[in-house]
Amino acid sequence: MFAIVRTGGKQYRVAAGDKIAVEKLAGEAGDKITLGDVLLAGEGDSLADAAKVTVSAEIIAQAKSEKVIVFKKRRRHNYRRRNGHRQQMTLLRILSVA
């Protein structure tokens, strides 16, 4: 069975056993959480009622994503700024979609 869940402003297609990286969620490694905002659920070609489906997951780790370089430049003004950013993220293992 699969489900489409929304967390951190993004949507993810998940099934039992999947590993996904989402925006930072509160919790420690090993904690169990439930993803409440289920948009769609189904199995194969048939769809199920998304209101009755719960998605449970386990936090694998709290990590940082890849570095994004922010570079600003204004022509002919001798203005250059270089900055980097690493977004906080949470690695999840989907335990069950029921």
PDB file of N, CA and C in Angstrom:
ATOM      1  N   MET A   1       0.843  -1.177   0.000  1.00  0.00           N
ATOM      2  CA  MET A   1       0.000   0.000   0.000  1.00  0.00           C
ATOM      3  C   MET A   1       0.887   1.238   0.000  1.00  0.00           C
ATOM      4  N   PHE A   2       0.448   2.283  -0.690  1.00  0.00           N
ATOM      5  CA  PHE A   2       1.206   3.522  -0.738  1.00  0.00           C
ATOM      6  C   PHE A   2       0.324   4.670  -0.258  1.00  0.00           C
ATOM      7  N   ALA A   3       0.972   5.790   0.056  1.00  0.00           N
ATOM      8  CA  ALA A   3       0.246   6.983   0.476  1.00  0.00           C
ATOM      9  C   ALA A   3       1.016   8.207   0.019  1.00  0.00           C
ATOM     10  N   ILE A   4       0.289   9.288  -0.208  1.00  0.00           N
ATOM     11  CA  ILE A   4       0.890  10.582  -0.495  1.00  0.00           C
ATOM     12  C   ILE A   4       0.705  11.420   0.767  1.00  0.00           C
ATOM     13  N   VAL A   5       1.816  11.835   1.383  1.00  0.00           N
ATOM     14  CA  VAL A   5       1.751  12.628   2.612  1.00  0.00           C
ATOM     15  C   VAL A   5       2.376  13.992   2.369  1.00  0.00           C
ATOM     16  N   ARG A   6       1.889  14.980   3.134  1.00  0.00           N
ATOM     17  CA  ARG A   6       2.434  16.329   3.026  1.00  0.00           C
ATOM     18  C   ARG A   6       3.103  16.685   4.344  1.00  0.00           C
ATOM     19  N   THR A   7       4.366  17.087   4.280  1.00  0.00           N
ATOM     20  CA  THR A   7       5.096  17.545   5.455  1.00  0.00           C
ATOM     21  C   THR A   7       6.150  18.550   5.003  1.00  0.00           C
ATOM     22  N   GLY A   8       6.285  19.617   5.752  1.00  0.00           N
ATOM     23  CA  GLY A   8       7.265  20.636   5.418  1.00  0.00           C
ATOM     24  C   GLY A   8       6.957  21.357   4.121  1.00  0.00           C
ATOM     25  N   GLY A   9       5.685  21.415   3.723  1.00  0.00           N
ATOM     26  CA  GLY A   9       5.315  22.108   2.499  1.00  0.00           C
ATOM     27  C   GLY A   9       5.557  21.314   1.234  1.00  0.00           C
ATOM     28  N   LYS A  10       5.981  20.077   1.352  1.00  0.00           N
ATOM     29  CA  LYS A  10       6.239  19.228   0.184  1.00  0.00           C
ATOM     30  C   LYS A  10       5.418  17.949   0.299  1.00  0.00           C
ATOM     31  N   GLN A  11       5.243  17.275  -0.829  1.00  0.00           N
ATOM     32  CA  GLN A  11       4.470  16.037  -0.849  1.00  0.00           C
ATOM     33  C   GLN A  11       5.392  14.879  -1.204  1.00  0.00           C
ATOM     34  N   TYR A  12       5.179  13.743  -0.548  1.00  0.00           N
ATOM     35  CA  TYR A  12       6.020  12.566  -0.743  1.00  0.00           C
ATOM     36  C   TYR A  12       5.139  11.340  -0.945  1.00  0.00           C
ATOM     37  N   ARG A  13       5.528  10.484  -1.883  1.00  0.00           N
ATOM     38  CA  ARG A  13       4.858   9.195  -2.075  1.00  0.00           C
ATOM     39  C   ARG A  13       5.636   8.179  -1.259  1.00  0.00           C
ATOM     40  N   VAL A  14       4.985   7.539  -0.306  1.00  0.00           N
ATOM     41  CA  VAL A  14       5.668   6.627   0.609  1.00  0.00           C
ATOM     42  C   VAL A  14       4.968   5.279   0.637  1.00  0.00           C
ATOM     43  N   ALA A  15       5.745   4.265   0.947  1.00  0.00           N
ATOM     44  CA  ALA A  15       5.241   2.911   1.183  1.00  0.00           C
ATOM     45  C   ALA A  15       6.058   2.342   2.343  1.00  0.00           C
ATOM     46  N   ALA A  16       5.615   1.238   2.902  1.00  0.00           N
ATOM     47  CA  ALA A  16       6.321   0.639   4.032  1.00  0.00           C
ATOM     48  C   ALA A  16       7.737   0.258   3.616  1.00  0.00           C
ATOM     49  N   GLY A  17       8.718   0.637   4.436  1.00  0.00           N
ATOM     50  CA  GLY A  17      10.115   0.319   4.167  1.00  0.00           C
ATOM     51  C   GLY A  17      10.877   1.418   3.447  1.00  0.00           C
ATOM     52  N   ASP A  18      10.206   2.457   2.975  1.00  0.00           N
ATOM     53  CA  ASP A  18      10.877   3.550   2.267  1.00  0.00           C
ATOM     54  C   ASP A  18      11.665   4.412   3.246  1.00  0.00           C
ATOM     55  N   LYS A  19      12.716   5.060   2.728  1.00  0.00           N
ATOM     56  CA  LYS A  19      13.477   6.047   3.486  1.00  0.00           C
ATOM     57  C   LYS A  19      13.357   7.367   2.753  1.00  0.00           C
ATOM     58  N   ILE A  20      12.991   8.434   3.485  1.00  0.00           N
ATOM     59  CA  ILE A  20      12.845   9.741   2.868  1.00  0.00           C
ATOM     60  C   ILE A  20      13.532  10.794   3.726  1.00  0.00           C
ATOM     61  N   ALA A  21      13.906  11.900   3.097  1.00  0.00           N
ATOM     62  CA  ALA A  21      14.502  13.045   3.784  1.00  0.00           C
ATOM     63  C   ALA A  21      13.505  14.194   3.691  1.00  0.00           C
ATOM     64  N   VAL A  22      13.067  14.705   4.848  1.00  0.00           N
ATOM     65  CA  VAL A  22      12.063  15.768   4.902  1.00  0.00           C
ATOM     66  C   VAL A  22      12.630  16.956   5.677  1.00  0.00           C
ATOM     67  N   GLU A  23      11.891  18.062   5.665  1.00  0.00           N
ATOM     68  CA  GLU A  23      12.267  19.221   6.474  1.00  0.00           C
ATOM     69  C   GLU A  23      12.341  18.802   7.936  1.00  0.00           C
ATOM     70  N   LYS A  24      13.110  19.544   8.725  1.00  0.00           N
ATOM     71  CA  LYS A  24      13.375  19.147  10.107  1.00  0.00           C
ATOM     72  C   LYS A  24      12.093  18.983  10.915  1.00  0.00           C
ATOM     73  N   LEU A  25      11.997  17.833  11.573  1.00  0.00           N
ATOM     74  CA  LEU A  25      10.893  17.526  12.481  1.00  0.00           C
ATOM     75  C   LEU A  25      11.445  17.380  13.887  1.00  0.00           C
ATOM     76  N   ALA A  26      10.631  17.683  14.884  1.00  0.00           N
ATOM     77  CA  ALA A  26      11.062  17.569  16.276  1.00  0.00           C
ATOM     78  C   ALA A  26      11.181  16.099  16.659  1.00  0.00           C
ATOM     79  N   GLY A  27      12.236  15.761  17.376  1.00  0.00           N
ATOM     80  CA  GLY A  27      12.422  14.393  17.849  1.00  0.00           C
ATOM     81  C   GLY A  27      13.870  13.963  17.760  1.00  0.00           C
ATOM     82  N   GLU A  28      14.157  12.883  18.459  1.00  0.00           N
ATOM     83  CA  GLU A  28      15.500  12.311  18.479  1.00  0.00           C
ATOM     84  C   GLU A  28      15.548  11.081  17.576  1.00  0.00           C
ATOM     85  N   ALA A  29      16.750  10.610  17.280  1.00  0.00           N
ATOM     86  CA  ALA A  29      16.913   9.394  16.496  1.00  0.00           C
ATOM     87  C   ALA A  29      16.310   8.220  17.258  1.00  0.00           C
ATOM     88  N   GLY A  30      15.493   7.430  16.577  1.00  0.00           N
ATOM     89  CA  GLY A  30      14.838   6.292  17.197  1.00  0.00           C
ATOM     90  C   GLY A  30      13.403   6.566  17.615  1.00  0.00           C
ATOM     91  N   ASP A  31      12.987   7.825  17.630  1.00  0.00           N
ATOM     92  CA  ASP A  31      11.609   8.158  18.003  1.00  0.00           C
ATOM     93  C   ASP A  31      10.642   7.728  16.909  1.00  0.00           C
ATOM     94  N   LYS A  32       9.444   7.347  17.303  1.00  0.00           N
ATOM     95  CA  LYS A  32       8.385   6.980  16.367  1.00  0.00           C
ATOM     96  C   LYS A  32       7.441   8.175  16.221  1.00  0.00           C
ATOM     97  N   ILE A  33       7.064   8.503  14.989  1.00  0.00           N
ATOM     98  CA  ILE A  33       6.136   9.605  14.744  1.00  0.00           C
ATOM     99  C   ILE A  33       5.073   9.137  13.762  1.00  0.00           C
ATOM    100  N   THR A  34       3.980   9.876  13.701  1.00  0.00           N
ATOM    101  CA  THR A  34       2.944   9.604  12.706  1.00  0.00           C
ATOM    102  C   THR A  34       2.827  10.827  11.814  1.00  0.00           C
ATOM    103  N   LEU A  35       2.787  10.598  10.518  1.00  0.00           N
ATOM    104  CA  LEU A  35       2.594  11.671   9.549  1.00  0.00           C
ATOM    105  C   LEU A  35       1.094  11.805   9.331  1.00  0.00           C
ATOM    106  N   GLY A  36       0.525  12.895   9.799  1.00  0.00           N
ATOM    107  CA  GLY A  36      -0.920  13.018   9.854  1.00  0.00           C
ATOM    108  C   GLY A  36      -1.588  13.500   8.588  1.00  0.00           C
ATOM    109  N   ASP A  37      -0.914  14.293   7.779  1.00  0.00           N
ATOM    110  CA  ASP A  37      -1.560  14.910   6.621  1.00  0.00           C
ATOM    111  C   ASP A  37      -1.470  13.974   5.410  1.00  0.00           C
ATOM    112  N   VAL A  38      -2.351  12.986   5.353  1.00  0.00           N
ATOM    113  CA  VAL A  38      -2.378  12.024   4.242  1.00  0.00           C
ATOM    114  C   VAL A  38      -3.330  12.553   3.182  1.00  0.00           C
ATOM    115  N   LEU A  39      -2.832  12.754   1.964  1.00  0.00           N
ATOM    116  CA  LEU A  39      -3.629  13.316   0.890  1.00  0.00           C
ATOM    117  C   LEU A  39      -4.304  12.246   0.046  1.00  0.00           C
ATOM    118  N   LEU A  40      -3.619  11.121  -0.162  1.00  0.00           N
ATOM    119  CA  LEU A  40      -4.132  10.069  -1.035  1.00  0.00           C
ATOM    120  C   LEU A  40      -3.542   8.748  -0.574  1.00  0.00           C
ATOM    121  N   ALA A  41      -4.293   7.680  -0.745  1.00  0.00           N
ATOM    122  CA  ALA A  41      -3.794   6.359  -0.380  1.00  0.00           C
ATOM    123  C   ALA A  41      -4.381   5.347  -1.344  1.00  0.00           C
ATOM    124  N   GLY A  42      -3.650   4.270  -1.544  1.00  0.00           N
ATOM    125  CA  GLY A  42      -4.157   3.238  -2.431  1.00  0.00           C
ATOM    126  C   GLY A  42      -3.213   2.068  -2.520  1.00  0.00           C
ATOM    127  N   GLU A  43      -3.658   1.084  -3.313  1.00  0.00           N
ATOM    128  CA  GLU A  43      -2.843  -0.107  -3.546  1.00  0.00           C
ATOM    129  C   GLU A  43      -3.068  -0.522  -4.988  1.00  0.00           C
ATOM    130  N   GLY A  44      -1.981  -0.508  -5.762  1.00  0.00           N
ATOM    131  CA  GLY A  44      -2.121  -0.821  -7.182  1.00  0.00           C
ATOM    132  C   GLY A  44      -2.910   0.269  -7.889  1.00  0.00           C
ATOM    133  N   ASP A  45      -4.012  -0.134  -8.544  1.00  0.00           N
ATOM    134  CA  ASP A  45      -4.849   0.828  -9.250  1.00  0.00           C
ATOM    135  C   ASP A  45      -6.003   1.345  -8.404  1.00  0.00           C
ATOM    136  N   SER A  46      -6.298   0.711  -7.281  1.00  0.00           N
ATOM    137  CA  SER A  46      -7.443   1.118  -6.463  1.00  0.00           C
ATOM    138  C   SER A  46      -7.014   2.144  -5.419  1.00  0.00           C
ATOM    139  N   LEU A  47      -7.916   3.085  -5.125  1.00  0.00           N
ATOM    140  CA  LEU A  47      -7.654   4.117  -4.129  1.00  0.00           C
ATOM    141  C   LEU A  47      -8.452   3.828  -2.874  1.00  0.00           C
ATOM    142  N   ALA A  48      -7.891   4.209  -1.734  1.00  0.00           N
ATOM    143  CA  ALA A  48      -8.558   4.017  -0.450  1.00  0.00           C
ATOM    144  C   ALA A  48      -8.922   5.379   0.130  1.00  0.00           C
ATOM    145  N   ASP A  49      -9.739   5.378   1.160  1.00  0.00           N
ATOM    146  CA  ASP A  49     -10.124   6.612   1.839  1.00  0.00           C
ATOM    147  C   ASP A  49      -8.931   7.125   2.636  1.00  0.00           C
ATOM    148  N   ALA A  50      -8.421   8.307   2.269  1.00  0.00           N
ATOM    149  CA  ALA A  50      -7.211   8.842   2.892  1.00  0.00           C
ATOM    150  C   ALA A  50      -7.447   9.257   4.342  1.00  0.00           C
ATOM    151  N   ALA A  51      -8.705   9.524   4.715  1.00  0.00           N
ATOM    152  CA  ALA A  51      -8.984   9.947   6.087  1.00  0.00           C
ATOM    153  C   ALA A  51      -8.760   8.813   7.084  1.00  0.00           C
ATOM    154  N   LYS A  52      -8.879   7.572   6.635  1.00  0.00           N
ATOM    155  CA  LYS A  52      -8.729   6.427   7.528  1.00  0.00           C
ATOM    156  C   LYS A  52      -7.311   5.865   7.567  1.00  0.00           C
ATOM    157  N   VAL A  53      -6.434   6.393   6.743  1.00  0.00           N
ATOM    158  CA  VAL A  53      -5.070   5.863   6.628  1.00  0.00           C
ATOM    159  C   VAL A  53      -4.140   6.620   7.561  1.00  0.00           C
ATOM    160  N   THR A  54      -3.302   5.881   8.273  1.00  0.00           N
ATOM    161  CA  THR A  54      -2.262   6.478   9.110  1.00  0.00           C
ATOM    162  C   THR A  54      -0.909   5.994   8.627  1.00  0.00           C
ATOM    163  N   VAL A  55       0.047   6.902   8.635  1.00  0.00           N
ATOM    164  CA  VAL A  55       1.410   6.584   8.210  1.00  0.00           C
ATOM    165  C   VAL A  55       2.316   6.756   9.419  1.00  0.00           C
ATOM    166  N   SER A  56       2.974   5.677   9.839  1.00  0.00           N
ATOM    167  CA  SER A  56       3.898   5.753  10.973  1.00  0.00           C
ATOM    168  C   SER A  56       5.324   5.636  10.459  1.00  0.00           C
ATOM    169  N   ALA A  57       6.217   6.397  11.093  1.00  0.00           N
ATOM    170  CA  ALA A  57       7.608   6.442  10.660  1.00  0.00           C
ATOM    171  C   ALA A  57       8.521   6.486  11.874  1.00  0.00           C
ATOM    172  N   GLU A  58       9.785   6.170  11.640  1.00  0.00           N
ATOM    173  CA  GLU A  58      10.814   6.217  12.674  1.00  0.00           C
ATOM    174  C   GLU A  58      11.885   7.188  12.222  1.00  0.00           C
ATOM    175  N   ILE A  59      12.341   8.041  13.135  1.00  0.00           N
ATOM    176  CA  ILE A  59      13.410   8.986  12.812  1.00  0.00           C
ATOM    177  C   ILE A  59      14.733   8.240  12.819  1.00  0.00           C
ATOM    178  N   ILE A  60      15.414   8.263  11.683  1.00  0.00           N
ATOM    179  CA  ILE A  60      16.730   7.625  11.587  1.00  0.00           C
ATOM    180  C   ILE A  60      17.795   8.570  12.127  1.00  0.00           C
ATOM    181  N   ALA A  61      17.779   9.828  11.653  1.00  0.00           N
ATOM    182  CA  ALA A  61      18.798  10.795  12.066  1.00  0.00           C
ATOM    183  C   ALA A  61      18.329  12.213  11.769  1.00  0.00           C
ATOM    184  N   GLN A  62      18.908  13.150  12.482  1.00  0.00           N
ATOM    185  CA  GLN A  62      18.772  14.577  12.165  1.00  0.00           C
ATOM    186  C   GLN A  62      20.059  14.966  11.461  1.00  0.00           C
ATOM    187  N   ALA A  63      19.951  15.563  10.274  1.00  0.00           N
ATOM    188  CA  ALA A  63      21.142  15.832   9.475  1.00  0.00           C
ATOM    189  C   ALA A  63      21.004  17.177   8.774  1.00  0.00           C
ATOM    190  N   LYS A  64      22.010  17.509   7.987  1.00  0.00           N
ATOM    191  CA  LYS A  64      21.987  18.704   7.152  1.00  0.00           C
ATOM    192  C   LYS A  64      22.048  18.273   5.693  1.00  0.00           C
ATOM    193  N   SER A  65      21.372  19.025   4.836  1.00  0.00           N
ATOM    194  CA  SER A  65      21.380  18.692   3.411  1.00  0.00           C
ATOM    195  C   SER A  65      22.640  19.252   2.751  1.00  0.00           C
ATOM    196  N   GLU A  66      22.722  19.108   1.450  1.00  0.00           N
ATOM    197  CA  GLU A  66      23.879  19.597   0.707  1.00  0.00           C
ATOM    198  C   GLU A  66      23.984  21.117   0.809  1.00  0.00           C
ATOM    199  N   LYS A  67      25.188  21.631   0.693  1.00  0.00           N
ATOM    200  CA  LYS A  67      25.405  23.065   0.791  1.00  0.00           C
ATOM    201  C   LYS A  67      24.960  23.756  -0.489  1.00  0.00           C
ATOM    202  N   VAL A  68      24.260  24.868  -0.310  1.00  0.00           N
ATOM    203  CA  VAL A  68      23.840  25.712  -1.422  1.00  0.00           C
ATOM    204  C   VAL A  68      24.646  26.998  -1.329  1.00  0.00           C
ATOM    205  N   ILE A  69      25.324  27.375  -2.414  1.00  0.00           N
ATOM    206  CA  ILE A  69      26.130  28.590  -2.446  1.00  0.00           C
ATOM    207  C   ILE A  69      25.259  29.744  -2.933  1.00  0.00           C
ATOM    208  N   VAL A  70      25.239  30.831  -2.142  1.00  0.00           N
ATOM    209  CA  VAL A  70      24.519  32.044  -2.520  1.00  0.00           C
ATOM    210  C   VAL A  70      25.566  33.067  -2.913  1.00  0.00           C
ATOM    211  N   PHE A  71      25.567  33.493  -4.175  1.00  0.00           N
ATOM    212  CA  PHE A  71      26.570  34.432  -4.666  1.00  0.00           C
ATOM    213  C   PHE A  71      25.863  35.644  -5.233  1.00  0.00           C
ATOM    214  N   LYS A  72      26.197  36.821  -4.691  1.00  0.00           N
ATOM    215  CA  LYS A  72      25.607  38.070  -5.162  1.00  0.00           C
ATOM    216  C   LYS A  72      26.703  38.916  -5.790  1.00  0.00           C
ATOM    217  N   LYS A  73      26.366  39.542  -6.918  1.00  0.00           N
ATOM    218  CA  LYS A  73      27.339  40.393  -7.591  1.00  0.00           C
ATOM    219  C   LYS A  73      26.608  41.523  -8.291  1.00  0.00           C
ATOM    220  N   ARG A  74      27.187  42.714  -8.184  1.00  0.00           N
ATOM    221  CA  ARG A  74      26.673  43.851  -8.937  1.00  0.00           C
ATOM    222  C   ARG A  74      27.765  44.305  -9.892  1.00  0.00           C
ATOM    223  N   ARG A  75      27.414  44.374 -11.140  1.00  0.00           N
ATOM    224  CA  ARG A  75      28.418  44.722 -12.149  1.00  0.00           C
ATOM    225  C   ARG A  75      28.963  46.129 -11.921  1.00  0.00           C
ATOM    226  N   ARG A  76      30.256  46.259 -12.140  1.00  0.00           N
ATOM    227  CA  ARG A  76      30.961  47.538 -12.143  1.00  0.00           C
ATOM    228  C   ARG A  76      30.861  48.308 -10.821  1.00  0.00           C
ATOM    229  N   HIS A  77      30.579  47.621  -9.728  1.00  0.00           N
ATOM    230  CA  HIS A  77      30.521  48.285  -8.432  1.00  0.00           C
ATOM    231  C   HIS A  77      31.473  47.653  -7.421  1.00  0.00           C
ATOM    232  N   ASN A  78      32.277  46.690  -7.855  1.00  0.00           N
ATOM    233  CA  ASN A  78      33.198  45.975  -6.973  1.00  0.00           C
ATOM    234  C   ASN A  78      32.449  45.400  -5.766  1.00  0.00           C
ATOM    235  N   TYR A  79      31.277  44.799  -6.034  1.00  0.00           N
ATOM    236  CA  TYR A  79      30.435  44.232  -4.983  1.00  0.00           C
ATOM    237  C   TYR A  79      30.266  42.750  -5.237  1.00  0.00           C
ATOM    238  N   ARG A  80      30.805  41.931  -4.329  1.00  0.00           N
ATOM    239  CA  ARG A  80      30.649  40.479  -4.420  1.00  0.00           C
ATOM    240  C   ARG A  80      30.453  39.936  -3.011  1.00  0.00           C
ATOM    241  N   ARG A  81      29.451  39.088  -2.860  1.00  0.00           N
ATOM    242  CA  ARG A  81      29.200  38.444  -1.577  1.00  0.00           C
ATOM    243  C   ARG A  81      28.999  36.962  -1.822  1.00  0.00           C
ATOM    244  N   ARG A  82      29.690  36.144  -1.054  1.00  0.00           N
ATOM    245  CA  ARG A  82      29.560  34.698  -1.177  1.00  0.00           C
ATOM    246  C   ARG A  82      29.104  34.165   0.164  1.00  0.00           C
ATOM    247  N   ASN A  83      28.039  33.372   0.136  1.00  0.00           N
ATOM    248  CA  ASN A  83      27.483  32.847   1.370  1.00  0.00           C
ATOM    249  C   ASN A  83      27.034  31.415   1.116  1.00  0.00           C
ATOM    250  N   GLY A  84      27.056  30.583   2.125  1.00  0.00           N
ATOM    251  CA  GLY A  84      26.609  29.206   2.000  1.00  0.00           C
ATOM    252  C   GLY A  84      25.492  28.915   2.988  1.00  0.00           C
ATOM    253  N   HIS A  85      24.680  27.913   2.642  1.00  0.00           N
ATOM    254  CA  HIS A  85      23.567  27.545   3.523  1.00  0.00           C
ATOM    255  C   HIS A  85      23.363  26.038   3.461  1.00  0.00           C
ATOM    256  N   ARG A  86      23.169  25.423   4.623  1.00  0.00           N
ATOM    257  CA  ARG A  86      22.834  23.993   4.698  1.00  0.00           C
ATOM    258  C   ARG A  86      21.548  23.853   5.484  1.00  0.00           C
ATOM    259  N   GLN A  87      20.511  23.365   4.826  1.00  0.00           N
ATOM    260  CA  GLN A  87      19.198  23.232   5.439  1.00  0.00           C
ATOM    261  C   GLN A  87      19.162  22.038   6.384  1.00  0.00           C
ATOM    262  N   GLN A  88      18.509  22.213   7.525  1.00  0.00           N
ATOM    263  CA  GLN A  88      18.319  21.117   8.470  1.00  0.00           C
ATOM    264  C   GLN A  88      17.263  20.158   7.924  1.00  0.00           C
ATOM    265  N   MET A  89      17.491  18.858   8.057  1.00  0.00           N
ATOM    266  CA  MET A  89      16.534  17.870   7.556  1.00  0.00           C
ATOM    267  C   MET A  89      16.486  16.671   8.494  1.00  0.00           C
ATOM    268  N   THR A  90      15.442  15.885   8.344  1.00  0.00           N
ATOM    269  CA  THR A  90      15.234  14.686   9.136  1.00  0.00           C
ATOM    270  C   THR A  90      15.123  13.495   8.205  1.00  0.00           C
ATOM    271  N   LEU A  91      15.857  12.423   8.492  1.00  0.00           N
ATOM    272  CA  LEU A  91      15.780  11.202   7.714  1.00  0.00           C
ATOM    273  C   LEU A  91      14.770  10.270   8.384  1.00  0.00           C
ATOM    274  N   LEU A  92      13.783   9.820   7.598  1.00  0.00           N
ATOM    275  CA  LEU A  92      12.712   8.973   8.128  1.00  0.00           C
ATOM    276  C   LEU A  92      12.700   7.617   7.450  1.00  0.00           C
ATOM    277  N   ARG A  93      12.336   6.582   8.216  1.00  0.00           N
ATOM    278  CA  ARG A  93      12.059   5.261   7.667  1.00  0.00           C
ATOM    279  C   ARG A  93      10.570   5.011   7.894  1.00  0.00           C
ATOM    280  N   ILE A  94       9.849   4.746   6.816  1.00  0.00           N
ATOM    281  CA  ILE A  94       8.408   4.508   6.919  1.00  0.00           C
ATOM    282  C   ILE A  94       8.190   3.089   7.427  1.00  0.00           C
ATOM    283  N   LEU A  95       7.504   2.971   8.559  1.00  0.00           N
ATOM    284  CA  LEU A  95       7.270   1.664   9.169  1.00  0.00           C
ATOM    285  C   LEU A  95       6.017   1.000   8.608  1.00  0.00           C
ATOM    286  N   SER A  96       4.932   1.753   8.527  1.00  0.00           N
ATOM    287  CA  SER A  96       3.695   1.145   8.031  1.00  0.00           C
ATOM    288  C   SER A  96       2.765   2.193   7.446  1.00  0.00           C
ATOM    289  N   VAL A  97       1.993   1.757   6.464  1.00  0.00           N
ATOM    290  CA  VAL A  97       0.917   2.551   5.892  1.00  0.00           C
ATOM    291  C   VAL A  97      -0.340   1.713   6.071  1.00  0.00           C
ATOM    292  N   ALA A  98      -1.179   2.098   7.020  1.00  0.00           N
ATOM    293  CA  ALA A  98      -2.367   1.279   7.316  1.00  0.00           C
ATOM    294  C   ALA A  98      -3.601   2.139   7.468  1.00  0.00           C
TER     295      ALA A  98
END
